[in-house]
Protein backbone atom coordinates (compact mmCIF):
# COMPACT_ATOMS: atom_id res chain seq x y z
CA MET A 1 95.56 105.55 86.56
CA ALA A 2 93.31 108.55 87.10
CA GLU A 3 94.52 111.33 89.37
CA ALA A 4 93.54 110.57 92.98
CA PRO A 5 90.94 112.93 94.45
CA THR A 6 92.15 115.55 96.88
CA LYS A 7 91.49 114.92 100.57
CA HIS A 8 92.07 111.18 100.19
CA VAL A 9 95.84 110.88 100.60
CA ILE A 10 95.74 109.71 104.21
CA ASN A 11 92.78 107.40 103.62
CA ARG A 12 94.52 105.79 100.65
CA ILE A 13 97.72 105.24 102.61
CA ARG A 14 95.89 103.69 105.56
CA SER A 15 93.72 101.42 103.45
CA SER A 16 96.59 100.11 101.31
CA TYR A 17 99.21 99.92 104.06
CA SER A 18 99.25 96.13 104.38
CA GLN A 19 99.98 95.80 100.64
CA PHE A 20 103.03 98.08 100.70
CA SER A 21 106.62 96.85 100.49
CA GLU A 22 108.95 97.61 103.42
CA LYS A 23 110.30 100.72 101.68
CA GLU A 24 106.79 101.88 100.84
CA LYS A 25 105.75 101.40 104.47
CA LEU A 26 108.75 103.52 105.48
CA ILE A 27 107.53 106.35 103.25
CA ALA A 28 103.91 105.85 104.34
CA ASP A 29 104.85 106.08 108.03
CA TYR A 30 106.87 109.22 107.34
CA ILE A 31 103.92 110.92 105.62
CA LEU A 32 101.44 109.87 108.32
CA GLU A 33 103.72 111.12 111.11
CA ASN A 34 104.95 114.30 109.39
CA ARG A 35 102.05 115.46 107.23
CA ASP A 36 102.49 119.13 108.23
CA GLN A 37 106.21 119.01 107.46
CA ILE A 38 105.76 117.17 104.15
CA VAL A 39 103.87 120.05 102.53
CA HIS A 40 106.97 122.25 102.95
CA SER A 41 109.53 119.62 101.90
CA THR A 42 110.98 118.74 98.52
CA ILE A 43 111.17 115.18 97.24
CA ASN A 44 114.95 115.33 97.80
CA GLN A 45 114.51 116.25 101.47
CA VAL A 46 112.07 113.39 102.05
CA ALA A 47 114.34 110.93 100.26
CA ASP A 48 117.38 112.13 102.27
CA ASP A 49 115.50 111.84 105.58
CA LEU A 50 114.51 108.29 104.76
CA MET A 51 117.79 107.39 103.06
CA VAL A 52 116.05 106.18 99.91
CA ALA A 53 116.26 107.25 96.27
CA ASP A 54 114.13 110.10 94.94
CA ALA A 55 112.70 107.61 92.45
CA THR A 56 111.42 105.43 95.32
CA VAL A 57 109.42 108.33 96.74
CA PHE A 58 108.18 109.23 93.25
CA ARG A 59 107.00 105.66 92.58
CA PHE A 60 105.18 105.61 95.93
CA CYS A 61 103.26 108.76 94.96
CA LYS A 62 102.38 107.13 91.61
CA ARG A 63 101.11 104.07 93.44
CA LEU A 64 98.75 106.28 95.44
CA GLY A 65 97.32 107.52 92.14
CA PHE A 66 99.14 110.82 91.71
CA LYS A 67 101.24 112.03 88.78
CA GLY A 68 104.18 112.57 91.10
CA TYR A 69 105.39 113.95 94.42
CA GLN A 70 104.27 117.53 93.75
CA ALA A 71 100.69 116.46 92.96
CA MET A 72 100.57 114.33 96.10
CA LYS A 73 101.94 117.19 98.19
CA ILE A 74 99.32 119.64 96.88
CA ALA A 75 96.53 117.18 97.70
CA LEU A 76 98.00 116.53 101.15
CA ALA A 77 98.25 120.27 101.80
CA SER A 78 94.57 120.64 100.99
CA GLU A 79 93.74 117.76 103.29
CA THR A 80 95.86 119.18 106.11
CA VAL A 81 94.44 122.69 105.87
CA ASN A 82 90.86 121.43 105.46
CA PRO A 83 90.60 118.20 107.42
CA ILE A 84 88.00 115.62 106.45
CA GLN A 85 86.18 116.21 109.72
CA ASP A 86 84.54 119.54 108.92
CA ILE A 87 84.21 121.93 111.87
CA HIS A 88 80.51 122.31 111.03
CA GLU A 89 80.00 118.63 111.83
CA THR A 90 81.21 119.01 115.43
CA ILE A 91 78.27 118.35 117.73
CA THR A 92 77.84 120.62 120.73
CA GLU A 93 75.50 120.52 123.70
CA ASN A 94 73.86 123.71 122.44
CA ASP A 95 72.80 122.18 119.11
CA THR A 96 69.11 121.66 118.47
CA ASP A 97 67.71 118.17 117.89
CA LEU A 98 67.54 118.89 114.16
CA GLU A 99 71.12 120.22 114.02
CA ILE A 100 72.44 117.10 115.78
CA THR A 101 70.45 114.90 113.41
CA GLU A 102 71.82 116.73 110.37
CA LYS A 103 75.40 116.42 111.66
CA VAL A 104 75.01 112.69 112.31
CA PHE A 105 73.70 112.21 108.78
CA GLN A 106 76.58 114.26 107.39
CA ALA A 107 79.16 112.21 109.32
CA ASN A 108 77.68 109.02 107.88
CA ILE A 109 77.66 110.48 104.38
CA ARG A 110 81.35 111.37 104.70
CA ALA A 111 82.16 107.89 106.01
CA LEU A 112 80.42 106.39 102.98
CA GLU A 113 82.17 108.73 100.53
CA ALA A 114 85.62 108.14 102.05
CA SER A 115 85.08 104.37 102.17
CA ARG A 116 83.88 104.36 98.56
CA ASP A 117 86.93 106.29 97.38
CA ILE A 118 89.48 103.89 98.88
CA GLN A 119 88.01 100.74 97.33
CA ASN A 120 90.41 98.96 95.02
CA HIS A 121 89.22 97.17 91.86
CA GLU A 122 91.77 94.37 92.12
CA THR A 123 90.99 93.69 95.79
CA LEU A 124 87.24 93.66 95.20
CA ALA A 125 87.70 91.30 92.25
CA LYS A 126 89.68 88.90 94.44
CA ALA A 127 87.04 89.08 97.17
CA MET A 128 84.37 88.18 94.62
CA GLU A 129 86.47 85.25 93.39
CA ASP A 130 86.63 83.95 96.96
CA LEU A 131 82.88 84.35 97.47
CA LEU A 132 82.00 82.73 94.15
CA SER A 133 84.29 79.74 94.64
CA ALA A 134 83.52 79.10 98.31
CA LYS A 135 81.60 75.97 99.27
CA ARG A 136 80.41 77.63 102.48
CA VAL A 137 80.79 81.16 103.84
CA PHE A 138 80.99 81.96 107.55
CA PHE A 139 80.68 85.50 108.92
CA TYR A 140 82.26 86.37 112.28
CA GLY A 141 82.02 89.53 114.34
CA SER A 142 81.85 90.57 118.00
CA GLY A 143 79.95 93.45 119.60
CA GLY A 144 79.03 96.07 117.02
CA SER A 145 80.81 94.09 114.30
CA GLY A 146 78.55 91.17 115.15
CA ILE A 147 75.64 93.22 113.81
CA LEU A 148 77.46 93.42 110.47
CA ALA A 149 78.09 89.66 110.50
CA MET A 150 74.38 88.96 111.05
CA ASP A 151 73.44 91.46 108.35
CA ALA A 152 75.81 89.76 105.89
CA HIS A 153 74.28 86.37 106.73
CA HIS A 154 70.78 87.81 106.27
CA LYS A 155 71.70 89.19 102.85
CA PHE A 156 73.64 86.25 101.42
CA LEU A 157 71.08 83.72 102.65
CA ARG A 158 68.85 85.11 99.89
CA THR A 159 71.32 84.08 97.18
CA GLY A 160 71.22 80.34 97.79
CA MET A 161 74.72 80.38 99.27
CA GLU A 162 75.33 78.16 102.29
CA THR A 163 76.07 80.82 104.86
CA HIS A 164 76.40 81.05 108.64
CA ALA A 165 77.07 83.83 111.16
CA TYR A 166 78.46 83.69 114.69
CA THR A 167 78.77 86.47 117.28
CA ASP A 168 79.46 84.45 120.46
CA SER A 169 83.19 83.91 121.04
CA HIS A 170 82.85 80.25 122.05
CA LEU A 171 80.54 79.38 119.14
CA GLN A 172 82.89 81.26 116.81
CA LEU A 173 85.82 79.05 117.76
CA MET A 174 83.72 75.89 117.67
CA SER A 175 82.55 76.83 114.18
CA ALA A 176 86.04 77.78 112.97
CA SER A 177 87.36 74.40 114.14
CA GLN A 178 84.99 72.73 111.67
CA LEU A 179 86.02 74.77 108.63
CA LYS A 180 87.56 72.95 105.69
CA GLU A 181 89.53 73.72 102.56
CA GLY A 182 87.12 75.41 100.17
CA ASP A 183 85.33 77.28 102.97
CA LEU A 184 85.55 81.06 103.34
CA ALA A 185 85.62 82.95 106.64
CA VAL A 186 84.75 86.66 106.59
CA VAL A 187 85.91 88.25 109.85
CA ILE A 188 84.69 91.74 110.76
CA SER A 189 86.55 93.90 113.28
CA HIS A 190 86.65 97.69 113.43
CA THR A 191 90.08 97.89 115.09
CA GLY A 192 91.53 94.66 113.74
CA SER A 193 93.03 93.95 117.15
CA ASN A 194 90.24 91.95 118.83
CA LYS A 195 91.83 88.84 120.31
CA ASP A 196 88.73 86.68 119.81
CA ILE A 197 88.70 87.52 116.10
CA LEU A 198 92.42 86.87 115.76
CA ASP A 199 91.93 83.45 117.37
CA ILE A 200 89.24 82.67 114.79
CA VAL A 201 91.62 83.57 111.97
CA ASP A 202 94.32 81.27 113.35
CA VAL A 203 91.92 78.33 113.69
CA ALA A 204 90.28 78.92 110.31
CA LYS A 205 93.59 79.13 108.44
CA SER A 206 94.96 76.07 110.22
CA ASN A 207 92.04 74.14 108.72
CA GLY A 208 92.76 75.39 105.19
CA ALA A 209 89.96 77.97 104.91
CA ARG A 210 90.41 81.29 103.13
CA VAL A 211 89.94 84.38 105.31
CA ILE A 212 88.78 87.87 104.33
CA ALA A 213 88.81 90.78 106.80
CA ILE A 214 86.57 93.84 106.86
CA THR A 215 88.18 96.50 109.06
CA ASN A 216 88.85 100.19 109.51
CA PHE A 217 92.58 99.90 110.21
CA ALA A 218 95.09 98.78 107.60
CA LYS A 219 97.98 98.66 110.07
CA SER A 220 96.56 96.07 112.46
CA PRO A 221 97.29 92.49 113.58
CA LEU A 222 94.23 91.29 111.66
CA THR A 223 95.33 92.54 108.25
CA LYS A 224 98.69 90.82 108.68
CA SER A 225 97.12 87.41 109.25
CA VAL A 226 94.31 87.19 106.68
CA ASP A 227 94.39 86.43 102.95
CA LEU A 228 92.59 89.62 101.88
CA SER A 229 91.41 92.84 103.55
CA LEU A 230 88.58 95.22 102.68
CA TYR A 231 88.49 98.60 104.38
CA THR A 232 86.11 101.25 105.64
CA VAL A 233 87.00 104.79 106.68
CA ALA A 234 85.41 106.97 109.34
CA GLN A 235 86.37 109.93 111.53
CA GLU A 236 85.79 110.16 115.28
CA THR A 237 83.90 113.08 116.83
CA GLU A 238 83.42 114.10 120.45
CA TYR A 239 80.02 112.47 120.92
CA ARG A 240 80.35 109.71 118.38
CA SER A 241 83.11 107.14 117.96
CA GLU A 242 84.43 106.35 114.49
CA ALA A 243 83.16 102.78 114.97
CA LEU A 244 79.56 104.00 114.74
CA ALA A 245 80.04 105.78 111.41
CA SER A 246 82.21 102.98 110.01
CA ARG A 247 79.42 100.51 110.78
CA ILE A 248 77.27 102.30 108.18
CA ALA A 249 80.15 102.04 105.70
CA GLY A 250 80.63 98.36 106.59
CA LEU A 251 76.96 97.60 105.97
CA THR A 252 77.21 99.32 102.60
CA LEU A 253 80.40 97.45 101.68
CA ILE A 254 78.70 94.14 102.52
CA ASP A 255 75.68 95.22 100.49
CA SER A 256 77.99 95.88 97.52
CA LEU A 257 79.46 92.37 97.79
CA PHE A 258 75.94 90.94 98.01
CA VAL A 259 74.72 92.76 94.89
CA ASN A 260 77.85 91.78 92.94
CA TYR A 261 77.39 88.15 93.97
CA SER A 262 73.67 88.20 93.11
CA ILE A 263 74.39 89.51 89.61
CA LYS A 264 77.05 86.88 88.97
CA LYS A 265 74.80 84.13 90.38
CA LYS A 266 71.64 85.55 88.85
CA GLU A 267 69.64 82.36 88.26
CA GLN A 268 70.63 80.80 91.60
CA ALA A 269 69.80 83.99 93.50
CA LYS A 270 66.50 84.44 91.67
CA ALA A 271 65.34 80.89 92.46
CA SER A 272 66.46 81.16 96.08
CA THR A 273 64.74 84.50 96.61
CA GLN A 274 61.49 83.14 95.20
CA LYS A 275 61.61 80.13 97.54
CA MET A 276 62.23 82.47 100.45
CA ARG A 277 59.34 84.75 99.50
CA ASN A 278 57.00 81.78 99.23
CA ALA A 279 58.02 80.56 102.67
CA ILE A 280 57.79 83.99 104.31
CA SER A 281 54.33 84.55 102.79
CA ARG A 282 53.05 82.02 105.37
CA LYS A 283 53.69 84.67 108.01
CA ARG A 284 51.23 87.09 106.46
CA MET A 285 47.50 87.05 107.20
């Protein structure tokens, strides 16, 4: 595995958290809670604090993509000294319109870069298997995540896939109650703790449907209850919540799934798109 980029230790831990073993979660929690202390600790000190073997800590660092504990510690030190949220991106009331615009663009660029860097080949491959084998695909999201669900429906409708999207909580549950084995539910929630979304997951799985989550938080109730999770990463600023920046990353992640699906279903997508263009041409004068 290639050496993990610096400044992505925390992102990688958060995005992969649900896939860790209990011992790995123990180490992950320790790093997340003691990142300043870690950079001054040896592997023996960390292992002693957690009452695990040195080799367990070493293997965890390897799983993150580093050659060993020392390489991980150096990257973490860089991340701690120079946080992802650059001071120059902090918006102030004294900024000009152009400065604010530039900072918003930069925050979105960073959210895209961080989200790109945590994507996992194996997880994406499994997500594509689910999409390709599904008889029907249903997208669910509430509030801002509902915008992503509608965007996903808008995109995949072009491929010839039977797709649906629901943003109303009552319609979501009604729809989920009609899911069957062979159907796929894609639930989108920034926090992964929205009760309406969790209810959808329960109903969908009880009917035998597969469920994929798109979320910003690996350690959430949602990731524990679905079959597969895809993640975005974003940082919060004073005038802009992380949910806004992560929405851009979520749209891009959905776009990536759409393009992958279109390539693998090339003839189907081509025929469907042509039919759609012919129909929409009626709207033009």
